Amino acid sequence: MRYVVELQATVTRFDAVASSPYNLTLVRRVIKKRSASARRVTLRPNGRLLGRRRKLRVRIEVTATDAAGNVRVVRRTLNARR
């Protein structure tokens, strides 16, 4: 199994007419897992990407790929504070 874990946020700019949601990947981790046990992943984004915001809405996206090439994507959205 191979897992790709991403922490995504939305960037809005003054000159952007329509910004797509969660268009910035803050952190990305790749895990190659051989055992069936649970795994904990720490996602710590760079402070420059967050700016001065104290609260933000982020999305965690986990992509799992098995040996046969089957892909499953799971997304969860949460409110985060610094």
PDB file of N, CA and C in Angstrom:
ATOM      1  N   MET A   1       0.840  -1.193   0.000  1.00  0.00           N
ATOM      2  CA  MET A   1       0.000   0.000   0.000  1.00  0.00           C
ATOM      3  C   MET A   1       0.877   1.246   0.000  1.00  0.00           C
ATOM      4  N   ARG A   2       0.410   2.236  -0.674  1.00  0.00           N
ATOM      5  CA  ARG A   2       1.082   3.528  -0.715  1.00  0.00           C
ATOM      6  C   ARG A   2       0.040   4.588  -0.418  1.00  0.00           C
ATOM      7  N   TYR A   3       0.363   5.467   0.525  1.00  0.00           N
ATOM      8  CA  TYR A   3      -0.558   6.535   0.910  1.00  0.00           C
ATOM      9  C   TYR A   3       0.082   7.884   0.618  1.00  0.00           C
ATOM     10  N   VAL A   4      -0.701   8.781   0.049  1.00  0.00           N
ATOM     11  CA  VAL A   4      -0.285  10.170  -0.146  1.00  0.00           C
ATOM     12  C   VAL A   4      -1.253  11.018   0.672  1.00  0.00           C
ATOM     13  N   VAL A   5      -0.708  11.751   1.655  1.00  0.00           N
ATOM     14  CA  VAL A   5      -1.520  12.570   2.551  1.00  0.00           C
ATOM     15  C   VAL A   5      -1.216  14.029   2.251  1.00  0.00           C
ATOM     16  N   GLU A   6      -2.244  14.820   1.957  1.00  0.00           N
ATOM     17  CA  GLU A   6      -2.062  16.238   1.625  1.00  0.00           C
ATOM     18  C   GLU A   6      -2.940  17.102   2.516  1.00  0.00           C
ATOM     19  N   LEU A   7      -2.412  18.250   2.902  1.00  0.00           N
ATOM     20  CA  LEU A   7      -3.163  19.270   3.627  1.00  0.00           C
ATOM     21  C   LEU A   7      -3.340  20.441   2.673  1.00  0.00           C
ATOM     22  N   GLN A   8      -4.586  20.784   2.353  1.00  0.00           N
ATOM     23  CA  GLN A   8      -4.875  21.790   1.333  1.00  0.00           C
ATOM     24  C   GLN A   8      -5.650  22.946   1.935  1.00  0.00           C
ATOM     25  N   ALA A   9      -5.433  24.134   1.390  1.00  0.00           N
ATOM     26  CA  ALA A   9      -6.149  25.340   1.811  1.00  0.00           C
ATOM     27  C   ALA A   9      -6.542  26.131   0.573  1.00  0.00           C
ATOM     28  N   THR A  10      -7.396  27.125   0.767  1.00  0.00           N
ATOM     29  CA  THR A  10      -7.851  27.974  -0.323  1.00  0.00           C
ATOM     30  C   THR A  10      -7.107  29.301  -0.292  1.00  0.00           C
ATOM     31  N   VAL A  11      -6.610  29.703  -1.440  1.00  0.00           N
ATOM     32  CA  VAL A  11      -5.943  30.997  -1.576  1.00  0.00           C
ATOM     33  C   VAL A  11      -6.853  31.898  -2.379  1.00  0.00           C
ATOM     34  N   THR A  12      -7.138  33.060  -1.842  1.00  0.00           N
ATOM     35  CA  THR A  12      -7.924  34.048  -2.580  1.00  0.00           C
ATOM     36  C   THR A  12      -7.066  35.280  -2.784  1.00  0.00           C
ATOM     37  N   ARG A  13      -7.155  35.829  -3.952  1.00  0.00           N
ATOM     38  CA  ARG A  13      -6.399  37.032  -4.288  1.00  0.00           C
ATOM     39  C   ARG A  13      -7.370  38.100  -4.742  1.00  0.00           C
ATOM     40  N   PHE A  14      -6.931  39.335  -4.633  1.00  0.00           N
ATOM     41  CA  PHE A  14      -7.794  40.447  -5.018  1.00  0.00           C
ATOM     42  C   PHE A  14      -8.045  40.484  -6.513  1.00  0.00           C
ATOM     43  N   ASP A  15      -7.069  40.054  -7.312  1.00  0.00           N
ATOM     44  CA  ASP A  15      -7.234  40.134  -8.760  1.00  0.00           C
ATOM     45  C   ASP A  15      -7.836  38.864  -9.351  1.00  0.00           C
ATOM     46  N   ALA A  16      -8.099  37.848  -8.528  1.00  0.00           N
ATOM     47  CA  ALA A  16      -8.679  36.608  -9.034  1.00  0.00           C
ATOM     48  C   ALA A  16     -10.191  36.756  -9.135  1.00  0.00           C
ATOM     49  N   VAL A  17     -10.719  36.446 -10.281  1.00  0.00           N
ATOM     50  CA  VAL A  17     -12.160  36.551 -10.486  1.00  0.00           C
ATOM     51  C   VAL A  17     -12.863  35.381  -9.811  1.00  0.00           C
ATOM     52  N   ALA A  18     -12.424  34.184 -10.095  1.00  0.00           N
ATOM     53  CA  ALA A  18     -13.021  32.990  -9.484  1.00  0.00           C
ATOM     54  C   ALA A  18     -11.899  32.062  -9.051  1.00  0.00           C
ATOM     55  N   SER A  19     -11.760  31.889  -7.763  1.00  0.00           N
ATOM     56  CA  SER A  19     -10.724  30.991  -7.273  1.00  0.00           C
ATOM     57  C   SER A  19     -11.350  29.653  -6.919  1.00  0.00           C
ATOM     58  N   SER A  20     -10.701  28.589  -7.331  1.00  0.00           N
ATOM     59  CA  SER A  20     -11.222  27.264  -7.032  1.00  0.00           C
ATOM     60  C   SER A  20     -10.934  26.928  -5.571  1.00  0.00           C
ATOM     61  N   PRO A  21     -11.790  26.176  -4.927  1.00  0.00           N
ATOM     62  CA  PRO A  21     -11.563  25.852  -3.522  1.00  0.00           C
ATOM     63  C   PRO A  21     -10.391  24.892  -3.354  1.00  0.00           C
ATOM     64  N   TYR A  22      -9.627  25.100  -2.283  1.00  0.00           N
ATOM     65  CA  TYR A  22      -8.487  24.251  -1.917  1.00  0.00           C
ATOM     66  C   TYR A  22      -7.489  24.135  -3.066  1.00  0.00           C
ATOM     67  N   ASN A  23      -7.010  25.290  -3.499  1.00  0.00           N
ATOM     68  CA  ASN A  23      -6.101  25.354  -4.639  1.00  0.00           C
ATOM     69  C   ASN A  23      -4.626  25.438  -4.229  1.00  0.00           C
ATOM     70  N   LEU A  24      -4.326  25.270  -2.943  1.00  0.00           N
ATOM     71  CA  LEU A  24      -2.946  25.321  -2.469  1.00  0.00           C
ATOM     72  C   LEU A  24      -2.677  24.129  -1.576  1.00  0.00           C
ATOM     73  N   THR A  25      -1.651  23.351  -1.902  1.00  0.00           N
ATOM     74  CA  THR A  25      -1.242  22.230  -1.059  1.00  0.00           C
ATOM     75  C   THR A  25      -0.211  22.747  -0.071  1.00  0.00           C
ATOM     76  N   LEU A  26      -0.561  22.710   1.224  1.00  0.00           N
ATOM     77  CA  LEU A  26       0.333  23.210   2.267  1.00  0.00           C
ATOM     78  C   LEU A  26       1.425  22.202   2.602  1.00  0.00           C
ATOM     79  N   VAL A  27       1.053  20.940   2.739  1.00  0.00           N
ATOM     80  CA  VAL A  27       2.000  19.879   3.098  1.00  0.00           C
ATOM     81  C   VAL A  27       1.609  18.611   2.365  1.00  0.00           C
ATOM     82  N   ARG A  28       2.609  17.830   1.962  1.00  0.00           N
ATOM     83  CA  ARG A  28       2.353  16.551   1.303  1.00  0.00           C
ATOM     84  C   ARG A  28       3.314  15.508   1.866  1.00  0.00           C
ATOM     85  N   ARG A  29       2.783  14.376   2.302  1.00  0.00           N
ATOM     86  CA  ARG A  29       3.586  13.278   2.826  1.00  0.00           C
ATOM     87  C   ARG A  29       3.236  12.007   2.064  1.00  0.00           C
ATOM     88  N   VAL A  30       4.249  11.206   1.757  1.00  0.00           N
ATOM     89  CA  VAL A  30       4.058   9.925   1.084  1.00  0.00           C
ATOM     90  C   VAL A  30       4.511   8.833   2.045  1.00  0.00           C
ATOM     91  N   ILE A  31       3.642   7.849   2.268  1.00  0.00           N
ATOM     92  CA  ILE A  31       3.930   6.754   3.192  1.00  0.00           C
ATOM     93  C   ILE A  31       3.836   5.443   2.422  1.00  0.00           C
ATOM     94  N   LYS A  32       4.883   4.650   2.497  1.00  0.00           N
ATOM     95  CA  LYS A  32       4.847   3.298   1.943  1.00  0.00           C
ATOM     96  C   LYS A  32       4.708   2.351   3.118  1.00  0.00           C
ATOM     97  N   LYS A  33       3.548   1.770   3.245  1.00  0.00           N
ATOM     98  CA  LYS A  33       3.199   0.994   4.426  1.00  0.00           C
ATOM     99  C   LYS A  33       3.131  -0.488   4.080  1.00  0.00           C
ATOM    100  N   ARG A  34       3.780  -1.298   4.872  1.00  0.00           N
ATOM    101  CA  ARG A  34       3.763  -2.735   4.634  1.00  0.00           C
ATOM    102  C   ARG A  34       2.907  -3.483   5.652  1.00  0.00           C
ATOM    103  N   SER A  35       2.744  -2.937   6.838  1.00  0.00           N
ATOM    104  CA  SER A  35       1.977  -3.632   7.869  1.00  0.00           C
ATOM    105  C   SER A  35       0.531  -3.130   7.897  1.00  0.00           C
ATOM    106  N   ALA A  36      -0.314  -3.865   8.594  1.00  0.00           N
ATOM    107  CA  ALA A  36      -1.731  -3.515   8.674  1.00  0.00           C
ATOM    108  C   ALA A  36      -2.033  -2.627   9.877  1.00  0.00           C
ATOM    109  N   SER A  37      -1.026  -2.221  10.623  1.00  0.00           N
ATOM    110  CA  SER A  37      -1.252  -1.393  11.808  1.00  0.00           C
ATOM    111  C   SER A  37      -1.545   0.051  11.410  1.00  0.00           C
ATOM    112  N   ALA A  38      -2.143   0.778  12.345  1.00  0.00           N
ATOM    113  CA  ALA A  38      -2.471   2.179  12.096  1.00  0.00           C
ATOM    114  C   ALA A  38      -1.190   3.018  12.080  1.00  0.00           C
ATOM    115  N   ARG A  39      -1.231   4.101  11.336  1.00  0.00           N
ATOM    116  CA  ARG A  39      -0.072   4.962  11.200  1.00  0.00           C
ATOM    117  C   ARG A  39      -0.483   6.390  11.489  1.00  0.00           C
ATOM    118  N   ARG A  40       0.338   7.127  12.223  1.00  0.00           N
ATOM    119  CA  ARG A  40       0.080   8.536  12.529  1.00  0.00           C
ATOM    120  C   ARG A  40       0.995   9.393  11.665  1.00  0.00           C
ATOM    121  N   VAL A  41       0.404  10.453  11.098  1.00  0.00           N
ATOM    122  CA  VAL A  41       1.151  11.359  10.225  1.00  0.00           C
ATOM    123  C   VAL A  41       1.021  12.766  10.770  1.00  0.00           C
ATOM    124  N   THR A  42       2.145  13.457  10.896  1.00  0.00           N
ATOM    125  CA  THR A  42       2.141  14.852  11.336  1.00  0.00           C
ATOM    126  C   THR A  42       2.280  15.750  10.113  1.00  0.00           C
ATOM    127  N   LEU A  43       1.337  16.667   9.953  1.00  0.00           N
ATOM    128  CA  LEU A  43       1.355  17.605   8.834  1.00  0.00           C
ATOM    129  C   LEU A  43       1.568  19.004   9.397  1.00  0.00           C
ATOM    130  N   ARG A  44       2.764  19.540   9.215  1.00  0.00           N
ATOM    131  CA  ARG A  44       3.085  20.862   9.744  1.00  0.00           C
ATOM    132  C   ARG A  44       3.453  21.770   8.568  1.00  0.00           C
ATOM    133  N   PRO A  45       2.554  22.678   8.192  1.00  0.00           N
ATOM    134  CA  PRO A  45       2.839  23.545   7.041  1.00  0.00           C
ATOM    135  C   PRO A  45       3.828  24.643   7.382  1.00  0.00           C
ATOM    136  N   ASN A  46       4.428  25.183   6.356  1.00  0.00           N
ATOM    137  CA  ASN A  46       5.342  26.301   6.496  1.00  0.00           C
ATOM    138  C   ASN A  46       4.551  27.536   6.929  1.00  0.00           C
ATOM    139  N   GLY A  47       5.087  28.303   7.856  1.00  0.00           N
ATOM    140  CA  GLY A  47       4.390  29.484   8.366  1.00  0.00           C
ATOM    141  C   GLY A  47       4.183  30.562   7.326  1.00  0.00           C
ATOM    142  N   ARG A  48       5.076  30.639   6.349  1.00  0.00           N
ATOM    143  CA  ARG A  48       4.924  31.655   5.302  1.00  0.00           C
ATOM    144  C   ARG A  48       3.714  31.381   4.417  1.00  0.00           C
ATOM    145  N   LEU A  49       3.352  30.111   4.264  1.00  0.00           N
ATOM    146  CA  LEU A  49       2.174  29.793   3.450  1.00  0.00           C
ATOM    147  C   LEU A  49       0.880  30.185   4.146  1.00  0.00           C
ATOM    148  N   LEU A  50       0.881  30.160   5.481  1.00  0.00           N
ATOM    149  CA  LEU A  50      -0.328  30.491   6.228  1.00  0.00           C
ATOM    150  C   LEU A  50      -0.538  31.984   6.380  1.00  0.00           C
ATOM    151  N   GLY A  51       0.531  32.752   6.439  1.00  0.00           N
ATOM    152  CA  GLY A  51       0.405  34.190   6.617  1.00  0.00           C
ATOM    153  C   GLY A  51       0.026  34.531   8.044  1.00  0.00           C
ATOM    154  N   ARG A  52      -0.786  35.562   8.226  1.00  0.00           N
ATOM    155  CA  ARG A  52      -1.170  36.023   9.559  1.00  0.00           C
ATOM    156  C   ARG A  52      -2.460  35.417  10.074  1.00  0.00           C
ATOM    157  N   ARG A  53      -3.070  34.561   9.302  1.00  0.00           N
ATOM    158  CA  ARG A  53      -4.365  34.006   9.701  1.00  0.00           C
ATOM    159  C   ARG A  53      -4.235  33.125  10.935  1.00  0.00           C
ATOM    160  N   ARG A  54      -5.167  33.269  11.858  1.00  0.00           N
ATOM    161  CA  ARG A  54      -5.194  32.418  13.046  1.00  0.00           C
ATOM    162  C   ARG A  54      -6.114  31.213  12.839  1.00  0.00           C
ATOM    163  N   LYS A  55      -7.203  31.422  12.100  1.00  0.00           N
ATOM    164  CA  LYS A  55      -8.145  30.339  11.814  1.00  0.00           C
ATOM    165  C   LYS A  55      -8.213  30.141  10.310  1.00  0.00           C
ATOM    166  N   LEU A  56      -8.316  28.901   9.897  1.00  0.00           N
ATOM    167  CA  LEU A  56      -8.509  28.647   8.483  1.00  0.00           C
ATOM    168  C   LEU A  56      -9.198  27.300   8.312  1.00  0.00           C
ATOM    169  N   ARG A  57      -9.808  27.152   7.196  1.00  0.00           N
ATOM    170  CA  ARG A  57     -10.506  25.913   6.854  1.00  0.00           C
ATOM    171  C   ARG A  57      -9.591  25.134   5.922  1.00  0.00           C
ATOM    172  N   VAL A  58      -9.256  23.913   6.303  1.00  0.00           N
ATOM    173  CA  VAL A  58      -8.341  23.091   5.517  1.00  0.00           C
ATOM    174  C   VAL A  58      -9.017  21.779   5.145  1.00  0.00           C
ATOM    175  N   ARG A  59      -8.474  21.148   4.130  1.00  0.00           N
ATOM    176  CA  ARG A  59      -8.966  19.846   3.698  1.00  0.00           C
ATOM    177  C   ARG A  59      -7.799  18.866   3.736  1.00  0.00           C
ATOM    178  N   ILE A  60      -8.056  17.703   4.334  1.00  0.00           N
ATOM    179  CA  ILE A  60      -7.075  16.626   4.338  1.00  0.00           C
ATOM    180  C   ILE A  60      -7.504  15.618   3.291  1.00  0.00           C
ATOM    181  N   GLU A  61      -6.594  15.298   2.390  1.00  0.00           N
ATOM    182  CA  GLU A  61      -6.886  14.357   1.317  1.00  0.00           C
ATOM    183  C   GLU A  61      -5.909  13.201   1.405  1.00  0.00           C
ATOM    184  N   VAL A  62      -6.429  11.984   1.506  1.00  0.00           N
ATOM    185  CA  VAL A  62      -5.606  10.779   1.575  1.00  0.00           C
ATOM    186  C   VAL A  62      -5.884   9.957   0.334  1.00  0.00           C
ATOM    187  N   THR A  63      -4.831   9.637  -0.414  1.00  0.00           N
ATOM    188  CA  THR A  63      -4.935   8.815  -1.610  1.00  0.00           C
ATOM    189  C   THR A  63      -4.228   7.499  -1.335  1.00  0.00           C
ATOM    190  N   ALA A  64      -4.953   6.398  -1.401  1.00  0.00           N
ATOM    191  CA  ALA A  64      -4.383   5.070  -1.155  1.00  0.00           C
ATOM    192  C   ALA A  64      -4.295   4.316  -2.475  1.00  0.00           C
ATOM    193  N   THR A  65      -3.143   3.694  -2.720  1.00  0.00           N
ATOM    194  CA  THR A  65      -2.916   2.910  -3.929  1.00  0.00           C
ATOM    195  C   THR A  65      -2.386   1.548  -3.516  1.00  0.00           C
ATOM    196  N   ASP A  66      -3.004   0.471  -3.987  1.00  0.00           N
ATOM    197  CA  ASP A  66      -2.514  -0.860  -3.648  1.00  0.00           C
ATOM    198  C   ASP A  66      -1.597  -1.381  -4.743  1.00  0.00           C
ATOM    199  N   ALA A  67      -1.123  -2.615  -4.575  1.00  0.00           N
ATOM    200  CA  ALA A  67      -0.142  -3.185  -5.507  1.00  0.00           C
ATOM    201  C   ALA A  67      -0.719  -3.385  -6.898  1.00  0.00           C
ATOM    202  N   ALA A  68      -2.024  -3.587  -6.996  1.00  0.00           N
ATOM    203  CA  ALA A  68      -2.653  -3.784  -8.298  1.00  0.00           C
ATOM    204  C   ALA A  68      -2.920  -2.473  -9.030  1.00  0.00           C
ATOM    205  N   GLY A  69      -2.714  -1.325  -8.343  1.00  0.00           N
ATOM    206  CA  GLY A  69      -2.927  -0.035  -8.971  1.00  0.00           C
ATOM    207  C   GLY A  69      -4.285   0.570  -8.707  1.00  0.00           C
ATOM    208  N   ASN A  70      -5.093  -0.061  -7.856  1.00  0.00           N
ATOM    209  CA  ASN A  70      -6.399   0.499  -7.498  1.00  0.00           C
ATOM    210  C   ASN A  70      -6.203   1.719  -6.606  1.00  0.00           C
ATOM    211  N   VAL A  71      -6.951   2.775  -6.884  1.00  0.00           N
ATOM    212  CA  VAL A  71      -6.783   4.054  -6.184  1.00  0.00           C
ATOM    213  C   VAL A  71      -8.079   4.411  -5.488  1.00  0.00           C
ATOM    214  N   ARG A  72      -7.952   4.874  -4.237  1.00  0.00           N
ATOM    215  CA  ARG A  72      -9.104   5.357  -3.471  1.00  0.00           C
ATOM    216  C   ARG A  72      -8.712   6.669  -2.827  1.00  0.00           C
ATOM    217  N   VAL A  73      -9.568   7.692  -2.976  1.00  0.00           N
ATOM    218  CA  VAL A  73      -9.308   9.025  -2.434  1.00  0.00           C
ATOM    219  C   VAL A  73     -10.376   9.338  -1.393  1.00  0.00           C
ATOM    220  N   VAL A  74      -9.927   9.802  -0.212  1.00  0.00           N
ATOM    221  CA  VAL A  74     -10.837  10.196   0.863  1.00  0.00           C
ATOM    222  C   VAL A  74     -10.490  11.623   1.256  1.00  0.00           C
ATOM    223  N   ARG A  75     -11.506  12.487   1.348  1.00  0.00           N
ATOM    224  CA  ARG A  75     -11.300  13.895   1.698  1.00  0.00           C
ATOM    225  C   ARG A  75     -12.123  14.244   2.926  1.00  0.00           C
ATOM    226  N   ARG A  76     -11.518  14.990   3.849  1.00  0.00           N
ATOM    227  CA  ARG A  76     -12.204  15.492   5.029  1.00  0.00           C
ATOM    228  C   ARG A  76     -11.851  16.958   5.202  1.00  0.00           C
ATOM    229  N   THR A  77     -12.831  17.782   5.547  1.00  0.00           N
ATOM    230  CA  THR A  77     -12.643  19.209   5.735  1.00  0.00           C
ATOM    231  C   THR A  77     -12.802  19.520   7.215  1.00  0.00           C
ATOM    232  N   LEU A  78     -11.924  20.395   7.727  1.00  0.00           N
ATOM    233  CA  LEU A  78     -12.003  20.772   9.131  1.00  0.00           C
ATOM    234  C   LEU A  78     -11.529  22.200   9.319  1.00  0.00           C
ATOM    235  N   ASN A  79     -11.919  22.779  10.456  1.00  0.00           N
ATOM    236  CA  ASN A  79     -11.467  24.120  10.821  1.00  0.00           C
ATOM    237  C   ASN A  79     -10.251  23.979  11.711  1.00  0.00           C
ATOM    238  N   ALA A  80      -9.169  24.666  11.375  1.00  0.00           N
ATOM    239  CA  ALA A  80      -7.923  24.571  12.121  1.00  0.00           C
ATOM    240  C   ALA A  80      -7.587  25.933  12.732  1.00  0.00           C
ATOM    241  N   ARG A  81      -6.916  25.888  13.874  1.00  0.00           N
ATOM    242  CA  ARG A  81      -6.431  27.102  14.535  1.00  0.00           C
ATOM    243  C   ARG A  81      -4.945  26.947  14.782  1.00  0.00           C
ATOM    244  N   ARG A  82      -4.249  28.090  14.784  1.00  0.00           N
ATOM    245  CA  ARG A  82      -2.814  28.045  15.087  1.00  0.00           C
ATOM    246  C   ARG A  82      -2.591  28.250  16.547  1.00  0.00           C
TER     247      ARG A  82
END
